[in-house]
Amino acid sequence: MAESFNFELVSPERLLLSEAASEVILPGADGEMTVMANHAPVMTTIKPGIVEVKSAEGGSNRYVVFGGFADILPEGCTVLAESAVHVDEIDHEDIAQRIQNTREDLQDATDDAEKARISEKLDHLTTLQSAV
C-alpha cells in the first residue's frame, strides 16, 4: 500500500475535500503532475482542468478546477482553487458560458500579451469542456 499524505481542496466558497490521499494528479501550469507522499516542496499555478484524488482507502474522486494554486510539501498538498466542483456536479452550461465570455474578452483585448494570456485560458477551457 502506498504511503499517504494530507490533501485539501479549497475554493473561495468552502473546503471541498480534506482527506488522506495516496496520489493526486494536478493540471499544473507547466503540465500535468502527480503528487505523492514526501514530494519535494513546490508551489505552482493550476490551470483549468481536472484534479484527480486517489484516496488512501482506495477510492478516487475527480474535481473540475478553474485555476488557482497548489502548495506541495513532503507531508501534504493544498490546492487553493479559484473555483472547483465535483465532476458529477459540473454544469456544462457554465463551462460554455465561461468559454463564450473568454472569446468576447479575446476580441476586446488590445495588446499582444493580453491576447496571449486570454487565448491560453480559452485553450484550457475548451480542453476542459471536452474532458467532461
N, C-alpha and C. Protein backbone atom coordinates (compact mmCIF):
# COMPACT_ATOMS: atom_id res chain seq x y z
N MET A 1 0.84 -1.18 0.00
CA MET A 1 0.00 0.00 0.00
C MET A 1 0.88 1.24 0.00
N ALA A 2 0.55 2.21 -0.84
CA ALA A 2 1.33 3.44 -0.95
C ALA A 2 1.19 4.29 0.30
N GLU A 3 2.25 5.01 0.61
CA GLU A 3 2.23 5.92 1.75
C GLU A 3 1.25 7.05 1.47
N SER A 4 0.57 7.53 2.50
CA SER A 4 -0.44 8.58 2.29
C SER A 4 0.07 9.93 2.81
N PHE A 5 -0.62 10.98 2.39
CA PHE A 5 -0.32 12.34 2.82
C PHE A 5 -1.63 13.10 2.92
N ASN A 6 -1.61 14.25 3.59
CA ASN A 6 -2.81 15.06 3.74
C ASN A 6 -3.06 15.86 2.48
N PHE A 7 -4.31 15.85 2.00
CA PHE A 7 -4.68 16.63 0.84
C PHE A 7 -5.92 17.45 1.16
N GLU A 8 -5.89 18.73 0.74
CA GLU A 8 -7.05 19.59 0.89
C GLU A 8 -7.30 20.34 -0.41
N LEU A 9 -8.58 20.40 -0.79
CA LEU A 9 -9.02 21.17 -1.94
C LEU A 9 -9.96 22.24 -1.41
N VAL A 10 -9.56 23.50 -1.62
CA VAL A 10 -10.30 24.62 -1.06
C VAL A 10 -10.70 25.58 -2.18
N SER A 11 -11.96 26.00 -2.17
CA SER A 11 -12.42 27.04 -3.09
C SER A 11 -12.80 28.24 -2.23
N PRO A 12 -13.03 29.41 -2.83
CA PRO A 12 -13.42 30.57 -2.01
C PRO A 12 -14.70 30.33 -1.19
N GLU A 13 -15.56 29.46 -1.69
CA GLU A 13 -16.83 29.21 -1.01
C GLU A 13 -16.73 28.25 0.17
N ARG A 14 -15.82 27.23 0.02
CA ARG A 14 -15.80 26.19 1.06
C ARG A 14 -14.62 25.24 0.89
N LEU A 15 -14.44 24.42 1.90
CA LEU A 15 -13.49 23.31 1.84
C LEU A 15 -14.22 22.16 1.15
N LEU A 16 -13.73 21.76 -0.02
CA LEU A 16 -14.40 20.70 -0.78
C LEU A 16 -13.96 19.32 -0.34
N LEU A 17 -12.69 19.18 0.02
CA LEU A 17 -12.17 17.86 0.36
C LEU A 17 -10.98 18.00 1.29
N SER A 18 -10.95 17.16 2.30
CA SER A 18 -9.81 17.07 3.21
C SER A 18 -9.71 15.60 3.61
N GLU A 19 -8.65 14.93 3.09
CA GLU A 19 -8.52 13.51 3.38
C GLU A 19 -7.09 13.05 3.17
N ALA A 20 -6.83 11.82 3.64
CA ALA A 20 -5.54 11.19 3.39
C ALA A 20 -5.58 10.64 1.97
N ALA A 21 -4.56 10.99 1.18
CA ALA A 21 -4.50 10.56 -0.22
C ALA A 21 -3.22 9.78 -0.47
N SER A 22 -3.29 8.87 -1.43
CA SER A 22 -2.09 8.16 -1.84
C SER A 22 -1.46 8.81 -3.05
N GLU A 23 -2.29 9.55 -3.82
CA GLU A 23 -1.83 10.18 -5.05
C GLU A 23 -2.82 11.26 -5.47
N VAL A 24 -2.31 12.38 -5.98
CA VAL A 24 -3.15 13.45 -6.52
C VAL A 24 -2.56 13.88 -7.85
N ILE A 25 -3.41 13.93 -8.87
CA ILE A 25 -2.97 14.37 -10.20
C ILE A 25 -3.53 15.76 -10.42
N LEU A 26 -2.62 16.72 -10.70
CA LEU A 26 -2.97 18.12 -10.83
C LEU A 26 -2.72 18.65 -12.24
N PRO A 27 -3.58 19.56 -12.72
CA PRO A 27 -3.32 20.22 -14.00
C PRO A 27 -2.42 21.45 -13.78
N GLY A 28 -1.14 21.22 -13.55
CA GLY A 28 -0.21 22.30 -13.28
C GLY A 28 -0.01 23.19 -14.49
N ALA A 29 0.44 24.40 -14.25
CA ALA A 29 0.66 25.37 -15.34
C ALA A 29 1.68 24.86 -16.34
N ASP A 30 2.64 24.06 -15.88
CA ASP A 30 3.68 23.53 -16.77
C ASP A 30 3.37 22.12 -17.25
N GLY A 31 2.17 21.66 -16.99
CA GLY A 31 1.77 20.32 -17.41
C GLY A 31 1.20 19.54 -16.25
N GLU A 32 0.61 18.41 -16.55
CA GLU A 32 0.01 17.55 -15.54
C GLU A 32 1.11 17.02 -14.62
N MET A 33 0.82 17.00 -13.32
CA MET A 33 1.81 16.48 -12.38
C MET A 33 1.13 15.59 -11.35
N THR A 34 1.88 14.60 -10.88
CA THR A 34 1.39 13.68 -9.86
C THR A 34 2.10 13.97 -8.56
N VAL A 35 1.32 14.12 -7.50
CA VAL A 35 1.85 14.38 -6.17
C VAL A 35 1.67 13.12 -5.34
N MET A 36 2.74 12.74 -4.65
CA MET A 36 2.69 11.58 -3.75
C MET A 36 3.34 11.99 -2.43
N ALA A 37 3.28 11.13 -1.44
CA ALA A 37 3.89 11.41 -0.14
C ALA A 37 5.37 11.71 -0.31
N ASN A 38 5.87 12.61 0.51
CA ASN A 38 7.28 13.01 0.53
C ASN A 38 7.72 13.73 -0.75
N HIS A 39 6.77 14.36 -1.43
CA HIS A 39 7.08 15.13 -2.64
C HIS A 39 7.96 16.33 -2.25
N ALA A 40 8.84 16.71 -3.13
CA ALA A 40 9.67 17.90 -2.90
C ALA A 40 8.77 19.13 -2.80
N PRO A 41 9.14 20.10 -1.97
CA PRO A 41 8.33 21.31 -1.84
C PRO A 41 8.24 22.07 -3.18
N VAL A 42 7.00 22.38 -3.56
CA VAL A 42 6.74 23.10 -4.81
C VAL A 42 5.50 23.95 -4.62
N MET A 43 5.50 25.14 -5.20
CA MET A 43 4.28 25.93 -5.31
C MET A 43 4.10 26.18 -6.80
N THR A 44 2.92 25.88 -7.32
CA THR A 44 2.67 26.03 -8.75
C THR A 44 1.27 26.58 -8.98
N THR A 45 1.09 27.20 -10.12
CA THR A 45 -0.25 27.62 -10.50
C THR A 45 -0.97 26.43 -11.14
N ILE A 46 -2.28 26.46 -11.03
CA ILE A 46 -3.13 25.41 -11.58
C ILE A 46 -3.92 26.01 -12.74
N LYS A 47 -3.94 25.33 -13.86
CA LYS A 47 -4.75 25.78 -14.99
C LYS A 47 -6.11 25.09 -14.93
N PRO A 48 -7.09 25.58 -15.65
CA PRO A 48 -8.38 24.89 -15.67
C PRO A 48 -8.21 23.44 -16.11
N GLY A 49 -8.79 22.54 -15.36
CA GLY A 49 -8.66 21.12 -15.67
C GLY A 49 -9.26 20.25 -14.58
N ILE A 50 -8.82 19.01 -14.56
CA ILE A 50 -9.34 18.01 -13.62
C ILE A 50 -8.27 17.69 -12.57
N VAL A 51 -8.68 17.72 -11.28
CA VAL A 51 -7.84 17.25 -10.19
C VAL A 51 -8.39 15.88 -9.81
N GLU A 52 -7.52 14.87 -9.88
CA GLU A 52 -7.94 13.52 -9.51
C GLU A 52 -7.26 13.14 -8.21
N VAL A 53 -8.05 12.75 -7.23
CA VAL A 53 -7.55 12.40 -5.90
C VAL A 53 -7.78 10.92 -5.68
N LYS A 54 -6.69 10.19 -5.45
CA LYS A 54 -6.78 8.77 -5.12
C LYS A 54 -6.63 8.64 -3.61
N SER A 55 -7.68 8.23 -2.98
CA SER A 55 -7.75 8.13 -1.52
C SER A 55 -6.84 7.03 -1.00
N ALA A 56 -6.37 7.22 0.22
CA ALA A 56 -5.54 6.20 0.87
C ALA A 56 -6.33 4.91 1.07
N GLU A 57 -7.67 5.01 1.14
CA GLU A 57 -8.53 3.84 1.30
C GLU A 57 -8.81 3.15 -0.02
N GLY A 58 -8.40 3.73 -1.13
CA GLY A 58 -8.57 3.08 -2.42
C GLY A 58 -9.57 3.71 -3.37
N GLY A 59 -10.41 4.62 -2.88
CA GLY A 59 -11.38 5.28 -3.77
C GLY A 59 -10.73 6.39 -4.58
N SER A 60 -11.51 6.98 -5.45
CA SER A 60 -10.99 8.05 -6.30
C SER A 60 -12.08 9.10 -6.49
N ASN A 61 -11.69 10.36 -6.50
CA ASN A 61 -12.61 11.47 -6.75
C ASN A 61 -11.99 12.40 -7.77
N ARG A 62 -12.84 13.01 -8.60
CA ARG A 62 -12.36 13.96 -9.60
C ARG A 62 -13.11 15.27 -9.45
N TYR A 63 -12.36 16.36 -9.51
CA TYR A 63 -12.92 17.70 -9.37
C TYR A 63 -12.48 18.56 -10.55
N VAL A 64 -13.40 19.37 -11.05
CA VAL A 64 -13.08 20.34 -12.09
C VAL A 64 -12.64 21.61 -11.36
N VAL A 65 -11.46 22.13 -11.73
CA VAL A 65 -10.97 23.39 -11.16
C VAL A 65 -10.80 24.40 -12.30
N PHE A 66 -11.01 25.65 -11.97
CA PHE A 66 -10.88 26.73 -12.96
C PHE A 66 -9.72 27.64 -12.59
N GLY A 67 -8.57 27.04 -12.31
CA GLY A 67 -7.38 27.81 -11.97
C GLY A 67 -7.17 27.88 -10.48
N GLY A 68 -5.99 28.36 -10.09
CA GLY A 68 -5.65 28.50 -8.68
C GLY A 68 -4.18 28.21 -8.45
N PHE A 69 -3.88 27.76 -7.23
CA PHE A 69 -2.51 27.46 -6.81
C PHE A 69 -2.47 26.14 -6.07
N ALA A 70 -1.33 25.47 -6.14
CA ALA A 70 -1.10 24.25 -5.35
C ALA A 70 0.16 24.47 -4.52
N ASP A 71 0.04 24.22 -3.23
CA ASP A 71 1.17 24.28 -2.31
C ASP A 71 1.48 22.84 -1.92
N ILE A 72 2.63 22.36 -2.37
CA ILE A 72 3.00 20.96 -2.16
C ILE A 72 4.19 20.89 -1.21
N LEU A 73 4.04 20.09 -0.16
CA LEU A 73 5.09 19.87 0.84
C LEU A 73 5.25 18.36 1.01
N PRO A 74 6.35 17.90 1.60
CA PRO A 74 6.53 16.46 1.79
C PRO A 74 5.38 15.79 2.56
N GLU A 75 4.77 16.52 3.49
CA GLU A 75 3.71 15.92 4.31
C GLU A 75 2.30 16.20 3.82
N GLY A 76 2.15 17.00 2.74
CA GLY A 76 0.80 17.28 2.27
C GLY A 76 0.75 18.18 1.06
N CYS A 77 -0.48 18.38 0.58
CA CYS A 77 -0.73 19.21 -0.59
C CYS A 77 -2.05 19.94 -0.37
N THR A 78 -2.03 21.25 -0.63
CA THR A 78 -3.24 22.05 -0.56
C THR A 78 -3.44 22.73 -1.90
N VAL A 79 -4.62 22.58 -2.47
CA VAL A 79 -4.98 23.27 -3.71
C VAL A 79 -5.97 24.37 -3.34
N LEU A 80 -5.60 25.60 -3.66
CA LEU A 80 -6.47 26.75 -3.48
C LEU A 80 -7.02 27.10 -4.86
N ALA A 81 -8.23 26.66 -5.12
CA ALA A 81 -8.82 26.80 -6.46
C ALA A 81 -9.62 28.09 -6.56
N GLU A 82 -9.55 28.73 -7.73
CA GLU A 82 -10.38 29.90 -7.98
C GLU A 82 -11.85 29.51 -7.91
N SER A 83 -12.14 28.34 -8.44
CA SER A 83 -13.47 27.76 -8.43
C SER A 83 -13.30 26.27 -8.63
N ALA A 84 -14.10 25.45 -7.95
CA ALA A 84 -13.99 24.00 -8.08
C ALA A 84 -15.34 23.35 -7.81
N VAL A 85 -15.56 22.22 -8.50
CA VAL A 85 -16.79 21.46 -8.31
C VAL A 85 -16.49 20.00 -8.65
N HIS A 86 -17.18 19.09 -7.96
CA HIS A 86 -17.03 17.67 -8.25
C HIS A 86 -17.49 17.41 -9.69
N VAL A 87 -16.81 16.52 -10.39
CA VAL A 87 -17.14 16.22 -11.79
C VAL A 87 -18.61 15.86 -11.96
N ASP A 88 -19.17 15.12 -10.99
CA ASP A 88 -20.57 14.71 -11.10
C ASP A 88 -21.54 15.88 -11.01
N GLU A 89 -21.07 17.01 -10.48
CA GLU A 89 -21.94 18.18 -10.29
C GLU A 89 -21.66 19.29 -11.30
N ILE A 90 -20.84 19.01 -12.31
CA ILE A 90 -20.44 20.06 -13.25
C ILE A 90 -21.62 20.55 -14.07
N ASP A 91 -21.67 21.83 -14.25
CA ASP A 91 -22.71 22.47 -15.06
C ASP A 91 -22.11 22.78 -16.43
N HIS A 92 -22.48 21.98 -17.42
CA HIS A 92 -21.92 22.14 -18.77
C HIS A 92 -22.26 23.50 -19.37
N GLU A 93 -23.41 24.06 -18.98
CA GLU A 93 -23.77 25.39 -19.46
C GLU A 93 -22.83 26.45 -18.88
N ASP A 94 -22.36 26.24 -17.64
CA ASP A 94 -21.42 27.16 -17.01
C ASP A 94 -20.10 27.18 -17.79
N ILE A 95 -19.61 26.00 -18.17
CA ILE A 95 -18.37 25.94 -18.94
C ILE A 95 -18.57 26.63 -20.29
N ALA A 96 -19.69 26.37 -20.94
CA ALA A 96 -19.97 27.00 -22.24
C ALA A 96 -20.03 28.53 -22.09
N GLN A 97 -20.62 29.00 -21.00
CA GLN A 97 -20.70 30.45 -20.76
C GLN A 97 -19.31 31.03 -20.50
N ARG A 98 -18.48 30.32 -19.74
CA ARG A 98 -17.10 30.78 -19.50
C ARG A 98 -16.32 30.87 -20.81
N ILE A 99 -16.54 29.90 -21.69
CA ILE A 99 -15.86 29.91 -23.00
C ILE A 99 -16.33 31.11 -23.81
N GLN A 100 -17.64 31.35 -23.83
CA GLN A 100 -18.18 32.49 -24.57
C GLN A 100 -17.64 33.81 -24.02
N ASN A 101 -17.61 33.95 -22.70
CA ASN A 101 -17.08 35.17 -22.08
C ASN A 101 -15.60 35.37 -22.42
N THR A 102 -14.85 34.29 -22.43
CA THR A 102 -13.42 34.36 -22.75
C THR A 102 -13.22 34.73 -24.21
N ARG A 103 -14.05 34.21 -25.09
CA ARG A 103 -13.97 34.59 -26.52
C ARG A 103 -14.24 36.09 -26.69
N GLU A 104 -15.21 36.60 -25.95
CA GLU A 104 -15.50 38.04 -26.01
C GLU A 104 -14.33 38.85 -25.46
N ASP A 105 -13.72 38.37 -24.37
CA ASP A 105 -12.55 39.05 -23.82
C ASP A 105 -11.41 39.08 -24.82
N LEU A 106 -11.25 37.98 -25.56
CA LEU A 106 -10.20 37.90 -26.57
C LEU A 106 -10.43 38.92 -27.69
N GLN A 107 -11.67 39.09 -28.09
CA GLN A 107 -11.99 40.08 -29.13
C GLN A 107 -11.73 41.50 -28.64
N ASP A 108 -11.92 41.74 -27.34
CA ASP A 108 -11.74 43.07 -26.78
C ASP A 108 -10.29 43.37 -26.38
N ALA A 109 -9.44 42.35 -26.39
CA ALA A 109 -8.04 42.53 -25.96
C ALA A 109 -7.33 43.53 -26.87
N THR A 110 -6.48 44.36 -26.25
CA THR A 110 -5.83 45.43 -27.02
C THR A 110 -4.35 45.21 -27.29
N ASP A 111 -3.67 44.43 -26.45
CA ASP A 111 -2.24 44.22 -26.70
C ASP A 111 -1.93 42.73 -26.81
N ASP A 112 -0.76 42.42 -27.36
CA ASP A 112 -0.38 41.04 -27.64
C ASP A 112 -0.26 40.17 -26.39
N ALA A 113 0.26 40.75 -25.31
CA ALA A 113 0.41 39.98 -24.07
C ALA A 113 -0.95 39.58 -23.52
N GLU A 114 -1.89 40.51 -23.54
CA GLU A 114 -3.24 40.22 -23.06
C GLU A 114 -3.91 39.18 -23.96
N LYS A 115 -3.74 39.31 -25.27
CA LYS A 115 -4.32 38.34 -26.20
C LYS A 115 -3.76 36.94 -25.97
N ALA A 116 -2.45 36.86 -25.73
CA ALA A 116 -1.82 35.56 -25.49
C ALA A 116 -2.35 34.92 -24.21
N ARG A 117 -2.48 35.72 -23.14
CA ARG A 117 -2.98 35.22 -21.86
C ARG A 117 -4.41 34.71 -22.00
N ILE A 118 -5.26 35.49 -22.66
CA ILE A 118 -6.66 35.11 -22.83
C ILE A 118 -6.80 33.91 -23.76
N SER A 119 -5.99 33.87 -24.80
CA SER A 119 -6.01 32.73 -25.73
C SER A 119 -5.63 31.44 -25.02
N GLU A 120 -4.64 31.51 -24.14
CA GLU A 120 -4.24 30.33 -23.36
C GLU A 120 -5.39 29.87 -22.46
N LYS A 121 -6.06 30.81 -21.81
CA LYS A 121 -7.20 30.47 -20.95
C LYS A 121 -8.31 29.81 -21.77
N LEU A 122 -8.55 30.33 -22.97
CA LEU A 122 -9.57 29.76 -23.85
C LEU A 122 -9.21 28.33 -24.24
N ASP A 123 -7.94 28.08 -24.53
CA ASP A 123 -7.49 26.73 -24.86
C ASP A 123 -7.74 25.78 -23.69
N HIS A 124 -7.42 26.23 -22.48
CA HIS A 124 -7.63 25.38 -21.29
C HIS A 124 -9.12 25.07 -21.10
N LEU A 125 -9.96 26.09 -21.27
CA LEU A 125 -11.40 25.87 -21.07
C LEU A 125 -11.99 24.93 -22.11
N THR A 126 -11.57 25.05 -23.37
CA THR A 126 -12.11 24.16 -24.40
C THR A 126 -11.61 22.73 -24.19
N THR A 127 -10.37 22.58 -23.73
CA THR A 127 -9.86 21.25 -23.41
C THR A 127 -10.65 20.65 -22.25
N LEU A 128 -10.92 21.47 -21.24
CA LEU A 128 -11.70 21.02 -20.09
C LEU A 128 -13.10 20.61 -20.53
N GLN A 129 -13.72 21.39 -21.40
CA GLN A 129 -15.07 21.07 -21.88
C GLN A 129 -15.11 19.70 -22.54
N SER A 130 -14.10 19.39 -23.31
CA SER A 130 -14.08 18.08 -23.98
C SER A 130 -13.76 16.94 -23.01
N ALA A 131 -13.10 17.26 -21.88
CA ALA A 131 -12.73 16.22 -20.90
C ALA A 131 -13.91 15.81 -20.02
N VAL A 132 -14.88 16.70 -19.86
CA VAL A 132 -16.03 16.37 -19.01
C VAL A 132 -17.22 16.18 -19.89
